[in-house]
Amino acid sequence: MNAPIREILVYFVVALSSLFLTAYAVHMLVGGLVNPETEYALMGMACLVVAAAIAFMAWDVVRHRRGR
């Protein structure tokens, strides 16, 4: 398998697992304390923040590899 494709696959798996763990952490913190709709909203907001951070890190890696 080509090295860049393998690297993209690794980044994709890490991103998915990070988003899953973020949603689970929010569920463990507020699950049962708030309405389910509020819990889902908080999980969505937290996952959006983490997804934005992951996207920024991926963009930064691509930018550095291309020499800015």
Protein backbone atom coordinates (compact mmCIF):
# COMPACT_ATOMS: atom_id res chain seq x y z
CA MET A 1 0.00 0.00 0.00
CA ASN A 2 1.18 3.49 -0.81
CA ALA A 3 2.66 5.41 2.16
CA PRO A 4 0.44 8.54 1.84
CA ILE A 5 -2.70 6.41 1.62
CA ARG A 6 -1.65 4.44 4.69
CA GLU A 7 -1.01 7.68 6.55
CA ILE A 8 -4.43 9.06 5.58
CA LEU A 9 -6.03 5.84 6.78
CA VAL A 10 -4.25 6.13 10.13
CA TYR A 11 -5.34 9.77 10.51
CA PHE A 12 -8.92 8.79 9.65
CA VAL A 13 -9.00 6.01 12.27
CA VAL A 14 -7.50 8.30 14.91
CA ALA A 15 -10.00 11.06 14.09
CA LEU A 16 -12.97 8.70 14.34
CA SER A 17 -11.78 7.21 17.62
CA SER A 18 -11.13 10.68 19.04
CA LEU A 19 -14.65 11.82 18.14
CA PHE A 20 -16.13 8.65 19.64
CA LEU A 21 -14.20 9.12 22.88
CA THR A 22 -15.21 12.78 23.04
CA ALA A 23 -18.90 11.91 22.71
CA TYR A 24 -18.55 9.14 25.28
CA ALA A 25 -16.77 11.44 27.76
CA VAL A 26 -19.58 13.99 27.47
CA HIS A 27 -22.12 11.20 27.93
CA MET A 28 -20.35 10.01 31.08
CA LEU A 29 -20.15 13.55 32.48
CA VAL A 30 -23.72 14.72 31.89
CA GLY A 31 -25.67 11.55 31.12
CA GLY A 32 -28.67 11.33 33.46
CA LEU A 33 -28.17 14.86 34.77
CA VAL A 34 -29.77 16.67 31.84
CA ASN A 35 -32.43 15.92 29.26
CA PRO A 36 -31.35 13.54 26.47
CA GLU A 37 -31.79 16.33 23.90
CA THR A 38 -29.43 18.57 25.86
CA GLU A 39 -26.95 15.73 26.20
CA TYR A 40 -26.99 15.13 22.43
CA ALA A 41 -26.53 18.84 21.79
CA LEU A 42 -23.54 18.96 24.15
CA MET A 43 -22.07 15.86 22.52
CA GLY A 44 -22.50 17.46 19.10
CA MET A 45 -20.88 20.73 20.16
CA ALA A 46 -17.94 18.93 21.77
CA CYS A 47 -17.46 16.76 18.68
CA LEU A 48 -17.55 19.84 16.44
CA VAL A 49 -14.82 21.49 18.51
CA VAL A 50 -12.67 18.35 18.42
CA ALA A 51 -13.30 17.88 14.69
CA ALA A 52 -12.21 21.47 14.07
CA ALA A 53 -9.02 20.87 16.08
CA ILE A 54 -8.31 17.66 14.16
CA ALA A 55 -8.93 19.43 10.84
CA PHE A 56 -6.55 22.23 11.84
CA MET A 57 -3.86 19.72 12.80
CA ALA A 58 -4.28 17.86 9.49
CA TRP A 59 -4.13 21.15 7.57
CA ASP A 60 -0.96 22.10 9.47
CA VAL A 61 0.70 18.78 8.60
CA VAL A 62 -0.14 19.23 4.91
CA ARG A 63 1.11 22.84 4.97
CA HIS A 64 4.43 21.85 6.54
CA ARG A 65 4.93 18.95 4.15
CA ARG A 66 4.40 21.21 1.14
CA GLY A 67 6.88 23.74 2.47
CA ARG A 68 4.27 26.39 3.28
